[in-house]
Amino acid sequence: MESQNFNLKKLLPEEVAVVMVPLPLQGHLNQLLHFAHLIPSYGLPVHYIGSAIHNRQAKLRLHGWNSQSSAKIHFHDLPLPSYIYPLPNPDNSVHFPAQLQPVFNASVHLRQPVFQLVQQLSTKFRRVVVIHDCLMNSVVQDVKDMPNAETYIFMTTSAFTTFSYIWEGVEPKPFPLDDSDALNLIPTNDGCYTPEVLEFGNNQKKLMGFESGWLYNTSKVIDGKYIQLLEKLSANDKIKHYAVGPLNPVETKNTSEGHRHKCLEWLDKQEKGSVIFVSFGSTTSMKDEQITELAMGLERSAQKFIWVVRRADIGDVFTGSSEVKTPELPEGFEERVKNRGMVVREWAPQLEILQHSSVGGFMSHCGWNSCIESISMGVVIAAWPMHSEQPRNAVMITDELRIGILLRDWVHRDEVVSSGTIENVVTRLMASDEGEGIRKRAAEVGDAVRASVAKGGVSRLEMNSFISHITR
């Protein structure tokens, strides 16, 4: 998304500054860093806040932008107290990444240094605009007392999922919903979160109310109905809602400064739409038994695949990576599938993979980053939610947008998914008339979403409207 032909009034250098405050977890860091790359194209300085470790993590794992774009962002390495990070436990009954709880706890200590930075900026700019993760309300709460600063909550999931959470807590219901709405298919919240992270989230929710608006990494093309419902549900009609996504580049280029990942070279040799990309994000840990079943299912499907095999992140992805056990695949698996499958054991350039013409499907945990990237590239999804809001995102993919197939129903979340089920879903998605219809639908949705961020598109207009508002 670019700002070309946007009639923004000429700003003085000291007019408006934008500050990004992400939650220091990968799926949250990534979205606000994409957003941060868009702001300078409107002539505004942008400041991205985090610890040294998390800023390094965010920059290292970012794809789709070149070094020139990144150079326009002011990164601030703020201090975090040291913390002990446990290892991922794939045998937990709740698969939320409990090993990251110390990061949640440490993040609240950013409150004072963030306030100090915003205070410094407020002496140099007419207005400071703070865009903060929905789980960082406690960190930015002091900004409300600054006369020339305002905050905007950044929602890290779809309007569909956001509305579903808020709607559940409203009694009595202020208006009826359509009986055929996909919201009626929302699964239970059981097994999605640990008690500790629920308490953290509830504490953040209590601090809402001082923000000037809500921002969403989604497009009205796919989420317009739920943006309207959120506006209708809002108790404060002065709070503005902007659907400015997808924030990720929708036309990616090799940004590795001359080095292209080996998996992309492998994809160059495959037929159009013939490969399913298998990846479960940065917070999923599978049992060894499940990894074996997944390997067998992929092998039996006879479909081509790229599979990212890695354990979940821990609190420090750099110093602790050697402590995390690497998942083991069945003996001889890679040799048997070497002519049609590729295993990647490192961080993979997901955006570039999804955009590649050889990729025809995506087996995903349905984290919102992965969902919106896949949607924007027109790639169908085999939905396998693991925790958090992912079961709700899966409903949006399979029942609201109808661009995917549910691989594992949330009711059966504690069961090992058999190789037969995996084989069946992969085959349906990649090699059946049913799958062909879903792929056609996904391609149409992808075209519409990409058009929404182009000149004159609804997301571009939303972004322009947001910039006009904060520079008023």
Protein backbone atom coordinates (compact mmCIF):
# COMPACT_ATOMS: atom_id res chain seq x y z
CA MET A 1 0.00 0.00 0.00
CA GLU A 2 1.44 3.36 -1.00
CA SER A 3 0.35 6.94 -0.46
CA GLN A 4 0.65 8.04 -4.10
CA ASN A 5 -1.81 10.74 -5.23
CA PHE A 6 -3.00 11.23 -1.65
CA ASN A 7 -3.97 14.86 -1.17
CA LEU A 8 -2.39 15.31 2.24
CA LYS A 9 -1.77 18.90 3.25
CA LYS A 10 1.90 19.76 3.38
CA LEU A 11 3.16 19.13 6.89
CA LEU A 12 5.96 20.83 8.70
CA PRO A 13 8.68 18.42 9.93
CA GLU A 14 7.54 19.01 13.54
CA GLU A 15 3.83 18.43 12.94
CA VAL A 16 2.85 14.83 13.75
CA ALA A 17 4.84 11.78 14.90
CA VAL A 18 3.55 8.20 15.08
CA VAL A 19 4.63 5.73 17.79
CA MET A 20 4.06 1.97 17.45
CA VAL A 21 3.83 -0.10 20.65
CA PRO A 22 3.52 -3.83 19.87
CA LEU A 23 3.14 -6.71 22.29
CA PRO A 24 6.54 -8.46 22.16
CA LEU A 25 5.31 -11.71 20.58
CA GLN A 26 6.01 -12.59 16.96
CA GLY A 27 2.46 -12.45 15.59
CA HIS A 28 2.02 -9.02 17.16
CA LEU A 29 5.47 -7.59 16.40
CA ASN A 30 5.06 -8.46 12.75
CA GLN A 31 1.74 -6.72 12.13
CA LEU A 32 2.73 -3.38 13.65
CA LEU A 33 6.10 -3.50 11.87
CA HIS A 34 4.26 -3.88 8.55
CA PHE A 35 2.15 -0.88 9.57
CA ALA A 36 5.26 1.07 10.53
CA HIS A 37 6.61 0.63 6.99
CA LEU A 38 3.53 2.32 5.52
CA ILE A 39 3.54 5.47 7.65
CA PRO A 40 6.70 7.15 6.21
CA SER A 41 5.19 7.08 2.70
CA TYR A 42 2.73 9.68 4.00
CA GLY A 43 5.57 11.95 5.09
CA LEU A 44 5.24 11.17 8.80
CA PRO A 45 8.05 9.97 11.09
CA VAL A 46 7.35 6.65 12.81
CA HIS A 47 8.90 5.28 15.99
CA TYR A 48 8.78 1.53 16.73
CA ILE A 49 9.17 0.55 20.38
CA GLY A 50 10.40 -2.66 21.97
CA SER A 51 13.26 -4.33 23.77
CA ALA A 52 16.53 -4.84 21.90
CA ILE A 53 15.81 -8.57 21.59
CA HIS A 54 12.29 -8.14 20.24
CA ASN A 55 13.18 -5.37 17.82
CA ARG A 56 15.95 -7.56 16.46
CA GLN A 57 13.52 -10.48 16.20
CA ALA A 58 10.91 -8.39 14.38
CA LYS A 59 13.40 -7.03 11.85
CA LEU A 60 15.09 -10.37 11.21
CA ARG A 61 11.83 -12.19 10.49
CA LEU A 62 10.17 -9.51 8.40
CA HIS A 63 9.62 -10.25 4.71
CA GLY A 64 8.29 -8.22 1.83
CA TRP A 65 10.13 -4.96 2.53
CA ASN A 66 13.60 -3.82 1.51
CA SER A 67 16.28 -2.26 3.67
CA GLN A 68 15.48 1.22 2.34
CA SER A 69 11.95 1.00 3.75
CA SER A 70 13.23 -0.22 7.12
CA ALA A 71 15.77 2.60 7.30
CA LYS A 72 12.91 5.12 7.53
CA ILE A 73 11.72 3.67 10.85
CA HIS A 74 13.15 4.89 14.17
CA PHE A 75 13.64 1.80 16.37
CA HIS A 76 13.86 2.34 20.12
CA ASP A 77 15.43 -0.43 22.20
CA LEU A 78 13.84 0.06 25.61
CA PRO A 79 14.86 -1.88 28.73
CA LEU A 80 12.94 -4.93 29.93
CA PRO A 81 13.65 -6.71 33.22
CA SER A 82 15.35 -10.07 32.79
CA TYR A 83 13.10 -13.10 32.96
CA ILE A 84 13.39 -16.88 32.94
CA TYR A 85 11.90 -18.52 29.86
CA PRO A 86 10.71 -22.13 30.17
CA LEU A 87 10.77 -24.46 27.18
CA PRO A 88 7.64 -25.28 25.13
CA ASN A 89 5.63 -28.23 26.41
CA PRO A 90 3.71 -29.98 23.59
CA ASP A 91 2.00 -32.25 26.14
CA ASN A 92 0.04 -29.48 27.88
CA SER A 93 -3.73 -29.90 27.80
CA VAL A 94 -4.00 -26.23 26.78
CA HIS A 95 -1.73 -25.56 23.81
CA PHE A 96 -1.45 -21.83 24.37
CA PRO A 97 2.32 -21.07 24.51
CA ALA A 98 2.63 -20.84 28.29
CA GLN A 99 6.41 -20.56 27.89
CA LEU A 100 5.79 -16.97 26.74
CA GLN A 101 3.97 -15.87 29.90
CA PRO A 102 7.16 -14.28 31.32
CA VAL A 103 7.22 -12.03 28.23
CA PHE A 104 3.66 -10.89 28.96
CA ASN A 105 4.65 -10.16 32.55
CA ALA A 106 7.81 -8.31 31.56
CA SER A 107 6.04 -6.19 28.95
CA VAL A 108 4.15 -4.18 31.58
CA HIS A 109 7.50 -2.71 32.66
CA LEU A 110 7.64 -0.76 29.38
CA ARG A 111 5.14 1.71 30.85
CA GLN A 112 7.64 4.21 32.25
CA PRO A 113 10.15 4.22 29.34
CA VAL A 114 7.31 4.47 26.80
CA PHE A 115 5.81 7.42 28.65
CA GLN A 116 9.20 9.12 28.79
CA LEU A 117 9.73 8.67 25.06
CA VAL A 118 6.26 9.97 24.17
CA GLN A 119 6.81 12.89 26.52
CA GLN A 120 10.07 13.76 24.73
CA LEU A 121 8.38 13.57 21.34
CA SER A 122 5.49 15.73 22.57
CA THR A 123 7.90 18.65 23.03
CA LYS A 124 9.00 18.43 19.39
CA PHE A 125 5.72 17.68 17.61
CA ARG A 126 2.32 19.31 17.53
CA ARG A 127 0.73 15.89 18.04
CA VAL A 128 2.00 12.43 18.96
CA VAL A 129 -0.13 9.53 17.78
CA VAL A 130 0.39 6.28 19.69
CA ILE A 131 -0.78 3.10 17.94
CA HIS A 132 -0.64 0.28 20.45
CA ASP A 133 -1.43 -3.40 20.56
CA CYS A 134 -4.77 -4.21 22.18
CA LEU A 135 -2.81 -6.05 24.91
CA MET A 136 -0.60 -3.07 25.73
CA ASN A 137 -3.22 -0.73 27.22
CA SER A 138 -1.44 -0.72 30.58
CA VAL A 139 1.81 0.37 28.95
CA VAL A 140 0.34 3.43 27.23
CA GLN A 141 -2.24 4.43 29.87
CA ASP A 142 -0.32 7.56 30.92
CA VAL A 143 -0.57 9.02 27.41
CA LYS A 144 -4.18 10.02 28.11
CA ASP A 145 -2.89 12.75 30.46
CA MET A 146 -0.79 14.39 27.76
CA PRO A 147 -2.60 17.28 26.03
CA ASN A 148 -1.05 16.78 22.57
CA ALA A 149 -1.04 12.97 22.39
CA GLU A 150 -3.74 10.45 21.47
CA THR A 151 -3.90 6.69 21.27
CA TYR A 152 -5.37 4.16 18.85
CA ILE A 153 -5.89 0.50 19.68
CA PHE A 154 -4.54 -1.90 17.09
CA MET A 155 -6.58 -5.11 16.90
CA THR A 156 -4.36 -8.02 15.90
CA THR A 157 -7.16 -10.20 14.56
CA SER A 158 -10.14 -9.84 12.22
CA ALA A 159 -13.20 -7.70 12.90
CA PHE A 160 -15.20 -10.95 12.74
CA THR A 161 -13.24 -12.47 15.62
CA THR A 162 -13.01 -9.20 17.56
CA PHE A 163 -16.77 -8.74 17.39
CA SER A 164 -17.39 -12.34 18.47
CA TYR A 165 -15.43 -11.82 21.69
CA ILE A 166 -17.10 -8.53 22.54
CA TRP A 167 -20.59 -9.79 21.65
CA GLU A 168 -20.24 -12.72 24.06
CA GLY A 169 -19.76 -10.36 26.97
CA VAL A 170 -22.72 -8.08 26.21
CA GLU A 171 -25.98 -8.78 28.11
CA PRO A 172 -28.69 -8.16 27.27
CA LYS A 173 -28.03 -8.26 23.55
CA PRO A 174 -28.77 -4.78 22.13
CA PHE A 175 -29.87 -6.07 18.71
CA PRO A 176 -30.45 -9.43 17.00
CA LEU A 177 -28.02 -11.16 14.65
CA ASP A 178 -28.87 -13.04 11.49
CA ASP A 179 -29.62 -16.69 12.32
CA SER A 180 -27.49 -17.80 9.36
CA ASP A 181 -24.47 -15.78 10.49
CA ALA A 182 -21.18 -17.67 10.84
CA LEU A 183 -20.95 -16.22 14.34
CA ASN A 184 -23.41 -18.91 15.37
CA LEU A 185 -20.71 -21.48 14.60
CA ILE A 186 -18.12 -19.96 16.94
CA PRO A 187 -16.61 -22.78 19.06
CA THR A 188 -16.12 -22.78 22.82
CA ASN A 189 -13.26 -20.82 24.34
CA ASP A 190 -12.28 -23.89 26.36
CA GLY A 191 -8.68 -24.90 25.73
CA CYS A 192 -7.77 -21.63 24.02
CA TYR A 193 -5.95 -19.83 26.83
CA THR A 194 -4.18 -20.43 30.11
CA PRO A 195 -5.71 -18.82 33.24
CA GLU A 196 -2.65 -16.55 33.50
CA VAL A 197 -3.01 -15.06 30.03
CA LEU A 198 -6.77 -14.66 30.49
CA GLU A 199 -6.09 -12.62 33.62
CA PHE A 200 -3.53 -10.55 31.71
CA GLY A 201 -6.03 -9.90 28.94
CA ASN A 202 -8.81 -8.98 31.36
CA ASN A 203 -6.53 -6.49 33.10
CA GLN A 204 -5.81 -4.85 29.75
CA LYS A 205 -9.51 -4.75 28.89
CA LYS A 206 -10.28 -2.85 32.09
CA LEU A 207 -8.03 -0.01 30.90
CA MET A 208 -9.84 0.55 27.60
CA GLY A 209 -11.83 3.70 27.00
CA PHE A 210 -9.24 6.47 26.58
CA GLU A 211 -8.41 5.61 22.97
CA SER A 212 -9.44 7.78 20.01
CA GLY A 213 -10.02 4.91 17.61
CA TRP A 214 -9.56 1.27 16.66
CA LEU A 215 -7.42 0.03 13.79
CA TYR A 216 -7.75 -3.39 12.13
CA ASN A 217 -5.37 -5.38 9.94
CA THR A 218 -8.25 -6.38 7.69
CA SER A 219 -10.19 -5.10 4.71
CA LYS A 220 -13.84 -4.13 4.48
CA VAL A 221 -13.93 -6.38 1.42
CA ILE A 222 -13.94 -9.38 3.79
CA ASP A 223 -14.84 -7.79 7.13
CA GLY A 224 -17.05 -4.81 6.36
CA LYS A 225 -20.14 -6.33 7.95
CA TYR A 226 -18.34 -6.83 11.25
CA ILE A 227 -16.75 -3.37 11.23
CA GLN A 228 -20.32 -2.03 10.99
CA LEU A 229 -21.45 -4.28 13.84
CA LEU A 230 -18.55 -3.10 16.01
CA GLU A 231 -19.45 0.52 15.30
CA LYS A 232 -23.09 -0.25 16.12
CA LEU A 233 -22.07 -1.97 19.35
CA SER A 234 -19.71 0.78 20.49
CA ALA A 235 -20.82 2.74 23.53
CA ASN A 236 -18.78 5.72 22.34
CA ASP A 237 -19.74 6.95 18.88
CA LYS A 238 -16.72 9.26 18.87
CA ILE A 239 -14.34 6.30 18.58
CA LYS A 240 -13.46 5.79 14.93
CA HIS A 241 -12.91 2.36 13.35
CA TYR A 242 -10.47 1.96 10.44
CA ALA A 243 -9.95 -1.24 8.45
CA VAL A 244 -6.54 -0.46 6.92
CA GLY A 245 -5.36 -3.95 5.97
CA PRO A 246 -3.93 -6.09 4.74
CA LEU A 247 -0.80 -4.36 6.01
CA ASN A 248 1.58 -6.93 4.56
CA PRO A 249 2.85 -6.22 1.02
CA VAL A 250 0.58 -7.94 -1.47
CA GLU A 251 3.22 -7.92 -4.19
CA THR A 252 6.40 -9.19 -2.60
CA LYS A 253 9.88 -9.14 -4.02
CA ASN A 254 13.06 -10.85 -2.89
CA THR A 255 14.21 -8.65 -0.02
CA SER A 256 17.13 -10.78 1.17
CA GLU A 257 19.75 -8.48 -0.37
CA GLY A 258 20.75 -10.94 -3.09
CA HIS A 259 20.10 -14.19 -1.20
CA ARG A 260 17.01 -16.14 -2.14
CA HIS A 261 15.75 -18.88 0.17
CA LYS A 262 16.34 -22.38 -1.17
CA CYS A 263 12.66 -23.28 -0.86
CA LEU A 264 11.78 -20.59 -3.42
CA GLU A 265 14.24 -22.07 -5.88
CA TRP A 266 12.61 -25.47 -5.31
CA LEU A 267 9.18 -23.94 -5.92
CA ASP A 268 10.39 -22.49 -9.23
CA LYS A 269 10.65 -26.06 -10.53
CA GLN A 270 7.10 -27.12 -9.58
CA GLU A 271 3.85 -26.86 -11.55
CA LYS A 272 1.44 -23.99 -10.95
CA GLY A 273 -0.73 -24.49 -7.86
CA SER A 274 0.69 -27.96 -7.16
CA VAL A 275 2.30 -27.43 -3.74
CA ILE A 276 0.69 -27.21 -0.29
CA PHE A 277 2.60 -25.11 2.22
CA VAL A 278 2.51 -26.56 5.75
CA SER A 279 3.38 -24.24 8.62
CA PHE A 280 1.95 -23.66 12.09
CA GLY A 281 3.48 -20.35 13.08
CA SER A 282 5.78 -19.37 15.90
CA THR A 283 3.82 -20.60 18.94
CA THR A 284 2.74 -24.16 18.09
CA SER A 285 4.36 -27.24 19.63
CA MET A 286 3.12 -30.61 18.40
CA LYS A 287 3.52 -33.93 20.15
CA ASP A 288 5.94 -36.33 18.49
CA GLU A 289 3.03 -38.67 17.80
CA GLN A 290 1.19 -35.90 15.94
CA ILE A 291 4.26 -35.01 13.91
CA THR A 292 4.51 -38.65 12.83
CA GLU A 293 0.85 -38.74 11.77
CA LEU A 294 1.26 -35.49 9.84
CA ALA A 295 4.31 -36.85 8.03
CA MET A 296 2.46 -40.04 7.12
CA GLY A 297 -0.59 -38.09 5.94
CA LEU A 298 1.49 -35.86 3.68
CA GLU A 299 3.34 -38.87 2.30
CA ARG A 300 0.17 -40.83 1.56
CA SER A 301 -1.57 -37.86 -0.06
CA ALA A 302 0.90 -38.01 -2.96
CA GLN A 303 0.74 -34.19 -3.12
CA LYS A 304 3.73 -31.90 -3.30
CA PHE A 305 4.50 -29.93 -0.15
CA ILE A 306 6.83 -27.60 1.72
CA TRP A 307 6.71 -28.30 5.47
CA VAL A 308 8.24 -25.94 8.03
CA VAL A 309 9.20 -28.21 10.93
CA ARG A 310 10.22 -26.32 14.05
CA ARG A 311 9.35 -26.01 17.71
CA ALA A 312 7.58 -23.00 19.17
CA ASP A 313 9.39 -19.80 20.14
CA ILE A 314 10.58 -19.23 23.67
CA GLY A 315 11.09 -15.91 25.44
CA ASP A 316 14.42 -15.20 23.75
CA VAL A 317 14.50 -16.65 20.24
CA PHE A 318 18.25 -16.06 19.97
CA THR A 319 20.01 -17.32 23.11
CA GLY A 320 17.56 -20.11 23.86
CA SER A 321 17.09 -21.66 20.43
CA SER A 322 19.68 -24.37 21.03
CA GLU A 323 17.79 -25.57 24.11
CA VAL A 324 14.62 -26.41 22.16
CA LYS A 325 14.42 -29.98 20.92
CA THR A 326 14.10 -30.26 17.14
CA PRO A 327 11.07 -32.31 16.07
CA GLU A 328 11.98 -35.74 14.75
CA LEU A 329 10.44 -37.06 11.54
CA PRO A 330 9.81 -40.75 10.82
CA GLU A 331 12.90 -42.65 9.76
CA GLY A 332 13.43 -42.45 6.01
CA PHE A 333 10.60 -39.93 5.49
CA GLU A 334 12.65 -37.23 3.79
CA GLU A 335 14.34 -39.71 1.51
CA ARG A 336 11.02 -41.22 0.43
CA VAL A 337 9.43 -37.84 -0.40
CA LYS A 338 12.50 -36.04 -1.73
CA ASN A 339 11.10 -35.83 -5.26
CA ARG A 340 7.89 -34.07 -4.22
CA GLY A 341 8.41 -32.65 -0.75
CA MET A 342 10.74 -30.27 1.05
CA VAL A 343 11.31 -29.95 4.79
CA VAL A 344 12.44 -26.56 6.14
CA ARG A 345 13.83 -26.44 9.68
CA GLU A 346 14.34 -22.69 9.96
CA TRP A 347 12.34 -19.50 9.69
CA ALA A 348 10.82 -19.46 6.18
CA PRO A 349 9.82 -16.45 4.01
CA GLN A 350 6.09 -17.12 4.32
CA LEU A 351 4.90 -14.14 2.28
CA GLU A 352 7.11 -15.06 -0.66
CA ILE A 353 6.08 -18.70 -0.42
CA LEU A 354 2.36 -17.89 -0.38
CA GLN A 355 2.75 -15.54 -3.34
CA HIS A 356 4.62 -18.11 -5.43
CA SER A 357 2.57 -19.42 -8.36
CA SER A 358 3.44 -23.04 -7.50
CA VAL A 359 1.68 -22.82 -4.12
CA GLY A 360 -1.94 -23.94 -4.27
CA GLY A 361 -2.79 -24.44 -0.59
CA PHE A 362 -1.76 -23.66 2.97
CA MET A 363 -2.12 -25.96 5.98
CA SER A 364 -2.20 -23.45 8.83
CA HIS A 365 -2.89 -22.94 12.52
CA CYS A 366 -4.98 -19.92 11.49
CA GLY A 367 -3.15 -17.24 13.40
CA TRP A 368 -4.39 -13.96 11.96
CA ASN A 369 -1.03 -13.07 10.40
CA SER A 370 -1.12 -16.29 8.41
CA CYS A 371 -4.82 -15.90 7.57
CA ILE A 372 -4.59 -12.37 6.21
CA GLU A 373 -1.40 -13.16 4.28
CA SER A 374 -2.99 -16.24 2.71
CA ILE A 375 -6.21 -14.34 1.94
CA SER A 376 -4.29 -11.50 0.30
CA MET A 377 -2.40 -13.99 -1.88
CA GLY A 378 -5.56 -15.88 -2.86
CA VAL A 379 -4.41 -19.19 -1.33
CA VAL A 380 -6.88 -21.70 0.17
CA ILE A 381 -6.39 -22.91 3.75
CA ALA A 382 -6.57 -26.29 5.46
CA ALA A 383 -7.54 -24.93 8.87
CA TRP A 384 -5.99 -26.60 11.92
CA PRO A 385 -6.44 -24.19 14.86
CA MET A 386 -4.25 -24.75 17.92
CA HIS A 387 -5.09 -22.10 20.58
CA SER A 388 -5.99 -18.44 21.24
CA GLU A 389 -8.38 -16.91 18.71
CA GLN A 390 -7.39 -19.41 16.03
CA PRO A 391 -10.59 -21.54 16.25
CA ARG A 392 -12.61 -18.39 15.53
CA ASN A 393 -10.35 -17.37 12.68
CA ALA A 394 -10.88 -20.86 11.27
CA VAL A 395 -14.65 -20.32 11.28
CA MET A 396 -14.15 -17.10 9.35
CA ILE A 397 -12.01 -18.90 6.78
CA THR A 398 -14.20 -21.96 6.29
CA ASP A 399 -17.76 -20.70 6.94
CA GLU A 400 -17.74 -16.92 6.50
CA LEU A 401 -15.39 -16.57 3.52
CA ARG A 402 -15.63 -20.22 2.34
CA ILE A 403 -12.00 -20.30 1.22
CA GLY A 404 -10.82 -23.31 3.21
CA ILE A 405 -11.55 -26.71 4.74
CA LEU A 406 -11.53 -27.43 8.47
CA LEU A 407 -8.93 -30.11 9.16
CA ARG A 408 -9.61 -30.58 12.87
CA ASP A 409 -12.80 -29.51 14.62
CA TRP A 410 -12.19 -27.73 17.93
CA VAL A 411 -14.41 -30.25 19.74
CA HIS A 412 -11.71 -32.86 19.03
CA ARG A 413 -8.77 -30.62 19.98
CA ASP A 414 -7.37 -33.12 22.51
CA GLU A 415 -7.21 -35.96 19.98
CA VAL A 416 -4.32 -36.78 17.70
CA VAL A 417 -5.35 -36.08 14.10
CA SER A 418 -4.84 -39.29 12.15
CA SER A 419 -2.74 -39.57 9.01
CA GLY A 420 -5.90 -40.68 7.21
CA THR A 421 -7.72 -37.45 8.07
CA ILE A 422 -4.72 -35.40 6.98
CA GLU A 423 -4.42 -37.33 3.73
CA ASN A 424 -8.12 -36.85 3.04
CA VAL A 425 -8.15 -33.09 3.64
CA VAL A 426 -4.98 -32.49 1.64
CA THR A 427 -6.36 -34.50 -1.27
CA ARG A 428 -9.74 -32.73 -1.12
CA LEU A 429 -8.06 -29.35 -1.10
CA MET A 430 -5.42 -29.99 -3.75
CA ALA A 431 -6.86 -32.64 -6.08
CA SER A 432 -10.67 -32.66 -6.17
CA ASP A 433 -13.53 -30.79 -7.80
CA GLU A 434 -14.49 -29.52 -4.33
CA GLY A 435 -11.00 -28.12 -3.86
CA GLU A 436 -11.04 -26.55 -7.30
CA GLY A 437 -14.20 -24.65 -6.38
CA ILE A 438 -12.68 -23.44 -3.13
CA ARG A 439 -9.49 -22.38 -4.90
CA LYS A 440 -11.53 -20.38 -7.43
CA ARG A 441 -13.35 -18.65 -4.60
CA ALA A 442 -10.06 -17.90 -2.78
CA ALA A 443 -8.57 -16.44 -5.95
CA GLU A 444 -11.57 -14.11 -6.33
CA VAL A 445 -11.35 -13.01 -2.69
CA GLY A 446 -7.61 -12.48 -3.06
CA ASP A 447 -8.12 -10.31 -6.14
CA ALA A 448 -10.67 -8.19 -4.28
CA VAL A 449 -8.46 -7.80 -1.21
CA ARG A 450 -5.43 -6.80 -3.27
CA ALA A 451 -7.58 -4.29 -5.14
CA SER A 452 -8.67 -2.82 -1.81
CA VAL A 453 -5.12 -1.62 -1.06
CA ALA A 454 -4.53 -0.27 -4.57
CA LYS A 455 -5.26 3.30 -5.63
CA GLY A 456 -8.96 4.02 -5.05
CA GLY A 457 -9.47 0.78 -3.11
CA VAL A 458 -11.46 0.74 0.11
CA SER A 459 -8.48 -0.07 2.37
CA ARG A 460 -6.37 2.64 0.72
CA LEU A 461 -9.20 5.10 1.33
CA GLU A 462 -9.45 3.94 4.96
CA MET A 463 -5.72 4.51 5.40
CA ASN A 464 -5.93 7.93 3.78
CA SER A 465 -8.85 8.79 6.05
CA PHE A 466 -6.88 7.74 9.13
CA ILE A 467 -3.88 9.84 8.08
CA SER A 468 -6.15 12.83 7.42
CA HIS A 469 -7.69 12.41 10.85
CA ILE A 470 -4.43 12.26 12.80
CA THR A 471 -2.97 15.21 10.85
CA ARG A 472 -6.12 17.35 11.20
